[in-house]
Amino acid sequence: MTEGTTRPVRVLLADDQPLLRTGFRMVLGAEDDLDIVAEAGDGVEAVDLSRRLLPDVVLMDIRMPRMDGVAATRAIVDARLPVRVLILTTFDLDEYVVGALRAGASGFLAKDVPAEDLVTAIRTVAAGEAVVAPRILKRLLDRFADLLPDPSSTPPKALGSLTDREREVLVQVARGLSNAEIARALSVSETTIKTHVGHVLTKLGLRDRVQAVVLAYESGLVRPRG
């Protein structure tokens, strides 16, 4: 980092496998704008270090001893810490991922994600955005399709607060499209879509677009195989 530039993104590594933490440290340590502030070997330690160090992003393994990544994420979010959580899972179809998203995680990636994608995801989450992996998300929702509501059922009252355009934008977000892709699909500016997304999150009381995606599927607004 050169003088006068924005401070590095402070990252906490939480994984019970030391070799994996070492690998992540090597990858992230090569980036001037990322700073590994600490490592945690389990969920309890991850929560404690998050409270004490207030990292920008916790790179959280989902399966750890003492406290798993879902419970640790929930504890961090419930404590209203200015810390965002990026979940890592060994398998695309990890049964804990949906729980982690509900708990307030800002996104999730498979552990075999390319190094450049991991770095980009951390920067994205640190900037206040969410990382939605459309391929993984679709496979997860396909797996849990039987648990989702019937599309003919009455949608949650909260969705009634959305305008037709906001609901349309929410559907596109749930399908994994970026703001730029939605703007092209609806023939409007990207700034307009960003505004609509902001209104959707505010009206529905959601933290970020990841939670918006989960809500859209849970409410039946979008169906996995639709």
C-alpha atoms as a PDB file:
ATOM      1  CA  MET A   1       0.000   0.000   0.000  1.00  0.00           C
ATOM      2  CA  THR A   2       1.357   3.414  -0.895  1.00  0.00           C
ATOM      3  CA  GLU A   3       0.947   6.456   1.303  1.00  0.00           C
ATOM      4  CA  GLY A   4      -2.406   8.164   0.874  1.00  0.00           C
ATOM      5  CA  THR A   5      -4.212   5.072  -0.374  1.00  0.00           C
ATOM      6  CA  THR A   6      -7.162   3.420   1.349  1.00  0.00           C
ATOM      7  CA  ARG A   7      -6.232   1.211   4.272  1.00  0.00           C
ATOM      8  CA  PRO A   8      -6.000  -2.541   3.664  1.00  0.00           C
ATOM      9  CA  VAL A   9      -9.025  -4.766   4.191  1.00  0.00           C
ATOM     10  CA  ARG A  10      -8.516  -6.503   7.549  1.00  0.00           C
ATOM     11  CA  VAL A  11      -9.257 -10.230   7.295  1.00  0.00           C
ATOM     12  CA  LEU A  12      -9.714 -12.883   9.986  1.00  0.00           C
ATOM     13  CA  LEU A  13      -9.146 -16.496   8.895  1.00  0.00           C
ATOM     14  CA  ALA A  14     -11.374 -19.020  10.680  1.00  0.00           C
ATOM     15  CA  ASP A  15     -10.711 -22.666   9.795  1.00  0.00           C
ATOM     16  CA  ASP A  16      -9.872 -25.702  11.923  1.00  0.00           C
ATOM     17  CA  GLN A  17      -7.258 -26.943   9.452  1.00  0.00           C
ATOM     18  CA  PRO A  18      -3.882 -25.185   9.893  1.00  0.00           C
ATOM     19  CA  LEU A  19      -2.705 -26.157   6.410  1.00  0.00           C
ATOM     20  CA  LEU A  20      -5.712 -24.503   4.802  1.00  0.00           C
ATOM     21  CA  ARG A  21      -5.194 -21.367   6.881  1.00  0.00           C
ATOM     22  CA  THR A  22      -1.583 -21.316   5.727  1.00  0.00           C
ATOM     23  CA  GLY A  23      -2.704 -21.622   2.115  1.00  0.00           C
ATOM     24  CA  PHE A  24      -5.198 -18.793   2.467  1.00  0.00           C
ATOM     25  CA  ARG A  25      -2.587 -16.662   4.205  1.00  0.00           C
ATOM     26  CA  MET A  26      -0.159 -17.175   1.318  1.00  0.00           C
ATOM     27  CA  VAL A  27      -2.777 -16.258  -1.289  1.00  0.00           C
ATOM     28  CA  LEU A  28      -4.164 -13.237   0.536  1.00  0.00           C
ATOM     29  CA  GLY A  29      -0.800 -12.093   1.833  1.00  0.00           C
ATOM     30  CA  ALA A  30       0.344 -11.515  -1.733  1.00  0.00           C
ATOM     31  CA  GLU A  31      -2.255  -8.741  -2.074  1.00  0.00           C
ATOM     32  CA  ASP A  32      -1.213  -5.268  -0.933  1.00  0.00           C
ATOM     33  CA  ASP A  33      -4.766  -4.279  -0.028  1.00  0.00           C
ATOM     34  CA  LEU A  34      -5.485  -7.295   2.215  1.00  0.00           C
ATOM     35  CA  ASP A  35      -4.163  -7.691   5.755  1.00  0.00           C
ATOM     36  CA  ILE A  36      -4.530 -10.957   7.733  1.00  0.00           C
ATOM     37  CA  VAL A  37      -5.034  -9.756  11.300  1.00  0.00           C
ATOM     38  CA  ALA A  38      -5.488 -13.133  13.028  1.00  0.00           C
ATOM     39  CA  GLU A  39      -6.390 -16.810  12.666  1.00  0.00           C
ATOM     40  CA  ALA A  40      -9.018 -18.825  14.518  1.00  0.00           C
ATOM     41  CA  GLY A  41      -9.163 -22.600  14.792  1.00  0.00           C
ATOM     42  CA  ASP A  42     -12.818 -22.873  15.787  1.00  0.00           C
ATOM     43  CA  GLY A  43     -16.043 -20.877  15.904  1.00  0.00           C
ATOM     44  CA  VAL A  44     -15.727 -19.765  19.517  1.00  0.00           C
ATOM     45  CA  GLU A  45     -12.305 -18.309  18.826  1.00  0.00           C
ATOM     46  CA  ALA A  46     -13.598 -16.684  15.637  1.00  0.00           C
ATOM     47  CA  VAL A  47     -16.356 -14.859  17.553  1.00  0.00           C
ATOM     48  CA  ASP A  48     -13.965 -13.802  20.313  1.00  0.00           C
ATOM     49  CA  LEU A  49     -11.386 -12.451  17.852  1.00  0.00           C
ATOM     50  CA  SER A  50     -14.117 -10.692  15.868  1.00  0.00           C
ATOM     51  CA  ARG A  51     -15.251  -8.895  19.023  1.00  0.00           C
ATOM     52  CA  ARG A  52     -11.715  -7.898  20.007  1.00  0.00           C
ATOM     53  CA  LEU A  53     -10.169  -7.070  16.625  1.00  0.00           C
ATOM     54  CA  LEU A  54     -13.197  -5.991  14.548  1.00  0.00           C
ATOM     55  CA  PRO A  55     -11.853  -7.281  11.212  1.00  0.00           C
ATOM     56  CA  ASP A  56     -13.598  -6.101   8.069  1.00  0.00           C
ATOM     57  CA  VAL A  57     -14.195  -9.637   6.830  1.00  0.00           C
ATOM     58  CA  VAL A  58     -14.155 -13.054   8.483  1.00  0.00           C
ATOM     59  CA  LEU A  59     -13.317 -15.852   6.065  1.00  0.00           C
ATOM     60  CA  MET A  60     -15.340 -18.512   7.896  1.00  0.00           C
ATOM     61  CA  ASP A  61     -15.143 -22.260   7.499  1.00  0.00           C
ATOM     62  CA  ILE A  62     -18.619 -23.721   7.900  1.00  0.00           C
ATOM     63  CA  ARG A  63     -17.634 -26.890   9.771  1.00  0.00           C
ATOM     64  CA  MET A  64     -15.518 -26.296  12.863  1.00  0.00           C
ATOM     65  CA  PRO A  65     -15.313 -27.718  16.408  1.00  0.00           C
ATOM     66  CA  ARG A  66     -16.911 -26.134  19.516  1.00  0.00           C
ATOM     67  CA  MET A  67     -19.043 -23.797  17.378  1.00  0.00           C
ATOM     68  CA  ASP A  68     -19.736 -24.222  13.674  1.00  0.00           C
ATOM     69  CA  GLY A  69     -19.634 -21.446  11.113  1.00  0.00           C
ATOM     70  CA  VAL A  70     -23.395 -20.913  11.167  1.00  0.00           C
ATOM     71  CA  ALA A  71     -23.546 -20.329  14.923  1.00  0.00           C
ATOM     72  CA  ALA A  72     -20.421 -18.165  14.812  1.00  0.00           C
ATOM     73  CA  THR A  73     -21.902 -16.068  11.999  1.00  0.00           C
ATOM     74  CA  ARG A  74     -25.143 -15.627  13.920  1.00  0.00           C
ATOM     75  CA  ALA A  75     -23.230 -14.560  17.040  1.00  0.00           C
ATOM     76  CA  ILE A  76     -21.243 -11.962  15.081  1.00  0.00           C
ATOM     77  CA  VAL A  77     -24.331 -10.578  13.338  1.00  0.00           C
ATOM     78  CA  ASP A  78     -26.471 -10.567  16.501  1.00  0.00           C
ATOM     79  CA  ALA A  79     -23.740  -8.628  18.315  1.00  0.00           C
ATOM     80  CA  ARG A  80     -24.065  -5.954  15.603  1.00  0.00           C
ATOM     81  CA  LEU A  81     -20.333  -5.931  15.018  1.00  0.00           C
ATOM     82  CA  PRO A  82     -19.094  -3.981  11.973  1.00  0.00           C
ATOM     83  CA  VAL A  83     -17.818  -7.298  10.641  1.00  0.00           C
ATOM     84  CA  ARG A  84     -18.971  -9.150   7.538  1.00  0.00           C
ATOM     85  CA  VAL A  85     -18.756 -12.906   7.100  1.00  0.00           C
ATOM     86  CA  LEU A  86     -17.796 -14.780   3.955  1.00  0.00           C
ATOM     87  CA  ILE A  87     -18.526 -18.490   4.333  1.00  0.00           C
ATOM     88  CA  LEU A  88     -16.291 -21.191   2.879  1.00  0.00           C
ATOM     89  CA  THR A  89     -17.549 -24.735   2.349  1.00  0.00           C
ATOM     90  CA  THR A  90     -15.850 -27.900   1.107  1.00  0.00           C
ATOM     91  CA  PHE A  91     -18.845 -28.948  -0.950  1.00  0.00           C
ATOM     92  CA  ASP A  92     -21.176 -26.914  -3.146  1.00  0.00           C
ATOM     93  CA  LEU A  93     -24.199 -28.583  -1.574  1.00  0.00           C
ATOM     94  CA  ASP A  94     -23.365 -28.156   2.098  1.00  0.00           C
ATOM     95  CA  GLU A  95     -26.548 -28.418   4.148  1.00  0.00           C
ATOM     96  CA  TYR A  96     -25.357 -25.622   6.411  1.00  0.00           C
ATOM     97  CA  VAL A  97     -25.032 -22.949   3.736  1.00  0.00           C
ATOM     98  CA  VAL A  98     -28.669 -21.855   3.689  1.00  0.00           C
ATOM     99  CA  GLY A  99     -28.553 -21.624   7.477  1.00  0.00           C
ATOM    100  CA  ALA A 100     -25.451 -19.461   7.240  1.00  0.00           C
ATOM    101  CA  LEU A 101     -27.140 -17.105   4.810  1.00  0.00           C
ATOM    102  CA  ARG A 102     -30.176 -16.848   7.064  1.00  0.00           C
ATOM    103  CA  ALA A 103     -27.822 -16.124   9.957  1.00  0.00           C
ATOM    104  CA  GLY A 104     -26.507 -13.075   8.140  1.00  0.00           C
ATOM    105  CA  ALA A 105     -23.495 -14.216   6.124  1.00  0.00           C
ATOM    106  CA  SER A 106     -22.657 -11.916   3.230  1.00  0.00           C
ATOM    107  CA  GLY A 107     -22.002 -14.767   0.860  1.00  0.00           C
ATOM    108  CA  PHE A 108     -20.394 -18.133   0.367  1.00  0.00           C
ATOM    109  CA  LEU A 109     -17.761 -19.788  -1.783  1.00  0.00           C
ATOM    110  CA  ALA A 110     -16.479 -23.304  -2.287  1.00  0.00           C
ATOM    111  CA  LYS A 111     -13.012 -23.871  -0.817  1.00  0.00           C
ATOM    112  CA  ASP A 112     -11.662 -24.790  -4.249  1.00  0.00           C
ATOM    113  CA  VAL A 113     -12.523 -21.350  -5.636  1.00  0.00           C
ATOM    114  CA  PRO A 114      -9.730 -19.874  -7.791  1.00  0.00           C
ATOM    115  CA  ALA A 115      -7.432 -17.566  -5.834  1.00  0.00           C
ATOM    116  CA  GLU A 116      -8.378 -14.498  -7.867  1.00  0.00           C
ATOM    117  CA  ASP A 117     -12.083 -15.126  -7.226  1.00  0.00           C
ATOM    118  CA  LEU A 118     -11.463 -15.444  -3.492  1.00  0.00           C
ATOM    119  CA  VAL A 119      -9.585 -12.154  -3.429  1.00  0.00           C
ATOM    120  CA  THR A 120     -12.320 -10.426  -5.429  1.00  0.00           C
ATOM    121  CA  ALA A 121     -15.015 -11.836  -3.140  1.00  0.00           C
ATOM    122  CA  ILE A 122     -13.274 -10.512  -0.022  1.00  0.00           C
ATOM    123  CA  ARG A 123     -12.964  -7.053  -1.547  1.00  0.00           C
ATOM    124  CA  THR A 124     -16.607  -7.144  -2.617  1.00  0.00           C
ATOM    125  CA  VAL A 125     -17.856  -8.130   0.832  1.00  0.00           C
ATOM    126  CA  ALA A 126     -15.614  -5.557   2.519  1.00  0.00           C
ATOM    127  CA  ALA A 127     -17.151  -2.881   0.289  1.00  0.00           C
ATOM    128  CA  GLY A 128     -20.575  -3.704   1.688  1.00  0.00           C
ATOM    129  CA  GLU A 129     -21.819  -5.839  -1.180  1.00  0.00           C
ATOM    130  CA  ALA A 130     -22.744  -9.508  -1.137  1.00  0.00           C
ATOM    131  CA  VAL A 131     -21.218 -12.430  -2.977  1.00  0.00           C
ATOM    132  CA  VAL A 132     -23.819 -14.664  -4.566  1.00  0.00           C
ATOM    133  CA  ALA A 133     -22.522 -17.671  -6.464  1.00  0.00           C
ATOM    134  CA  PRO A 134     -25.455 -18.333  -8.844  1.00  0.00           C
ATOM    135  CA  ARG A 135     -24.337 -21.856  -9.791  1.00  0.00           C
ATOM    136  CA  ILE A 136     -23.962 -23.001  -6.194  1.00  0.00           C
ATOM    137  CA  LEU A 137     -27.052 -21.159  -5.036  1.00  0.00           C
ATOM    138  CA  LYS A 138     -29.213 -22.757  -7.717  1.00  0.00           C
ATOM    139  CA  ARG A 139     -27.978 -26.245  -6.819  1.00  0.00           C
ATOM    140  CA  LEU A 140     -28.662 -25.583  -3.151  1.00  0.00           C
ATOM    141  CA  LEU A 141     -32.161 -24.336  -3.835  1.00  0.00           C
ATOM    142  CA  ASP A 142     -32.851 -27.253  -6.160  1.00  0.00           C
ATOM    143  CA  ARG A 143     -31.886 -29.548  -3.315  1.00  0.00           C
ATOM    144  CA  PHE A 144     -34.176 -27.786  -0.872  1.00  0.00           C
ATOM    145  CA  ALA A 145     -37.007 -27.220  -3.355  1.00  0.00           C
ATOM    146  CA  ASP A 146     -39.411 -29.455  -1.455  1.00  0.00           C
ATOM    147  CA  LEU A 147     -39.032 -27.255   1.618  1.00  0.00           C
ATOM    148  CA  LEU A 148     -40.024 -24.085  -0.232  1.00  0.00           C
ATOM    149  CA  PRO A 149     -43.601 -22.773  -0.266  1.00  0.00           C
ATOM    150  CA  ASP A 150     -46.103 -23.528  -2.994  1.00  0.00           C
ATOM    151  CA  PRO A 151     -45.961 -20.723  -5.600  1.00  0.00           C
ATOM    152  CA  SER A 152     -49.780 -20.496  -5.470  1.00  0.00           C
ATOM    153  CA  SER A 153     -49.705 -19.662  -1.759  1.00  0.00           C
ATOM    154  CA  THR A 154     -50.183 -16.105  -0.541  1.00  0.00           C
ATOM    155  CA  PRO A 155     -46.840 -14.232  -0.586  1.00  0.00           C
ATOM    156  CA  PRO A 156     -45.581 -12.603   2.624  1.00  0.00           C
ATOM    157  CA  LYS A 157     -47.171  -9.238   3.393  1.00  0.00           C
ATOM    158  CA  ALA A 158     -43.731  -7.590   3.221  1.00  0.00           C
ATOM    159  CA  LEU A 159     -43.597  -8.209  -0.526  1.00  0.00           C
ATOM    160  CA  GLY A 160     -46.770  -6.164  -0.868  1.00  0.00           C
ATOM    161  CA  SER A 161     -44.793  -3.049   0.013  1.00  0.00           C
ATOM    162  CA  LEU A 162     -42.768  -3.367  -3.183  1.00  0.00           C
ATOM    163  CA  THR A 163     -43.692  -1.624  -6.404  1.00  0.00           C
ATOM    164  CA  ASP A 164     -44.072  -3.755  -9.525  1.00  0.00           C
ATOM    165  CA  ARG A 165     -40.634  -2.668 -10.731  1.00  0.00           C
ATOM    166  CA  GLU A 166     -39.021  -3.379  -7.354  1.00  0.00           C
ATOM    167  CA  ARG A 167     -40.542  -6.848  -7.330  1.00  0.00           C
ATOM    168  CA  GLU A 168     -39.262  -7.377 -10.874  1.00  0.00           C
ATOM    169  CA  VAL A 169     -35.772  -6.337  -9.776  1.00  0.00           C
ATOM    170  CA  LEU A 170     -35.944  -8.683  -6.781  1.00  0.00           C
ATOM    171  CA  VAL A 171     -36.757 -11.590  -9.084  1.00  0.00           C
ATOM    172  CA  GLN A 172     -33.725 -10.791 -11.244  1.00  0.00           C
ATOM    173  CA  VAL A 173     -31.486 -10.480  -8.163  1.00  0.00           C
ATOM    174  CA  ALA A 174     -32.736 -13.888  -7.003  1.00  0.00           C
ATOM    175  CA  ARG A 175     -31.709 -15.360 -10.334  1.00  0.00           C
ATOM    176  CA  GLY A 176     -28.142 -14.265  -9.674  1.00  0.00           C
ATOM    177  CA  LEU A 177     -27.941 -11.312 -12.068  1.00  0.00           C
ATOM    178  CA  SER A 178     -25.663  -8.384 -11.304  1.00  0.00           C
ATOM    179  CA  ASN A 179     -26.928  -4.793 -11.309  1.00  0.00           C
ATOM    180  CA  ALA A 180     -25.415  -4.277 -14.750  1.00  0.00           C
ATOM    181  CA  GLU A 181     -27.114  -7.400 -16.142  1.00  0.00           C
ATOM    182  CA  ILE A 182     -30.477  -6.388 -14.660  1.00  0.00           C
ATOM    183  CA  ALA A 183     -30.088  -2.895 -16.117  1.00  0.00           C
ATOM    184  CA  ARG A 184     -29.537  -4.349 -19.573  1.00  0.00           C
ATOM    185  CA  ALA A 185     -32.494  -6.736 -19.195  1.00  0.00           C
ATOM    186  CA  LEU A 186     -34.849  -3.937 -18.116  1.00  0.00           C
ATOM    187  CA  SER A 187     -33.367  -1.272 -20.427  1.00  0.00           C
ATOM    188  CA  VAL A 188     -32.607   1.191 -17.629  1.00  0.00           C
ATOM    189  CA  SER A 189     -29.411   2.575 -16.105  1.00  0.00           C
ATOM    190  CA  GLU A 190     -27.323   0.635 -13.610  1.00  0.00           C
ATOM    191  CA  THR A 191     -27.748   3.539 -11.174  1.00  0.00           C
ATOM    192  CA  THR A 192     -31.523   3.116 -11.363  1.00  0.00           C
ATOM    193  CA  ILE A 193     -31.223  -0.600 -10.574  1.00  0.00           C
ATOM    194  CA  LYS A 194     -28.916   0.132  -7.646  1.00  0.00           C
ATOM    195  CA  THR A 195     -31.570   2.505  -6.310  1.00  0.00           C
ATOM    196  CA  HIS A 196     -34.289  -0.114  -6.726  1.00  0.00           C
ATOM    197  CA  VAL A 197     -32.188  -2.742  -4.944  1.00  0.00           C
ATOM    198  CA  GLY A 198     -31.624  -0.309  -2.080  1.00  0.00           C
ATOM    199  CA  HIS A 199     -35.373   0.295  -1.791  1.00  0.00           C
ATOM    200  CA  VAL A 200     -36.051  -3.462  -1.804  1.00  0.00           C
ATOM    201  CA  LEU A 201     -33.569  -4.086   0.996  1.00  0.00           C
ATOM    202  CA  THR A 202     -34.927  -1.206   3.075  1.00  0.00           C
ATOM    203  CA  LYS A 203     -38.584  -2.143   2.642  1.00  0.00           C
ATOM    204  CA  LEU A 204     -37.983  -5.806   3.430  1.00  0.00           C
ATOM    205  CA  GLY A 205     -35.588  -5.091   6.296  1.00  0.00           C
ATOM    206  CA  LEU A 206     -32.771  -7.065   4.704  1.00  0.00           C
ATOM    207  CA  ARG A 207     -29.043  -6.690   5.256  1.00  0.00           C
ATOM    208  CA  ASP A 208     -27.909  -7.319   1.676  1.00  0.00           C
ATOM    209  CA  ARG A 209     -28.791  -8.959  -1.610  1.00  0.00           C
ATOM    210  CA  VAL A 210     -27.860 -12.424  -0.371  1.00  0.00           C
ATOM    211  CA  GLN A 211     -30.707 -12.272   2.132  1.00  0.00           C
ATOM    212  CA  ALA A 212     -32.921 -10.876  -0.631  1.00  0.00           C
ATOM    213  CA  VAL A 213     -32.169 -13.970  -2.733  1.00  0.00           C
ATOM    214  CA  VAL A 214     -33.023 -16.313   0.136  1.00  0.00           C
ATOM    215  CA  LEU A 215     -36.277 -14.431   0.854  1.00  0.00           C
ATOM    216  CA  ALA A 216     -37.304 -14.531  -2.792  1.00  0.00           C
ATOM    217  CA  TYR A 217     -37.006 -18.306  -2.855  1.00  0.00           C
ATOM    218  CA  GLU A 218     -38.406 -18.898   0.623  1.00  0.00           C
ATOM    219  CA  SER A 219     -41.468 -16.787  -0.192  1.00  0.00           C
ATOM    220  CA  GLY A 220     -42.124 -18.628  -3.434  1.00  0.00           C
ATOM    221  CA  LEU A 221     -41.579 -15.495  -5.531  1.00  0.00           C
ATOM    222  CA  VAL A 222     -38.965 -17.458  -7.493  1.00  0.00           C
ATOM    223  CA  ARG A 223     -38.864 -21.209  -7.906  1.00  0.00           C
ATOM    224  CA  PRO A 224     -35.570 -23.153  -8.315  1.00  0.00           C
ATOM    225  CA  ARG A 225     -36.772 -25.047 -11.372  1.00  0.00           C
ATOM    226  CA  GLY A 226     -38.996 -22.302 -12.705  1.00  0.00           C
END
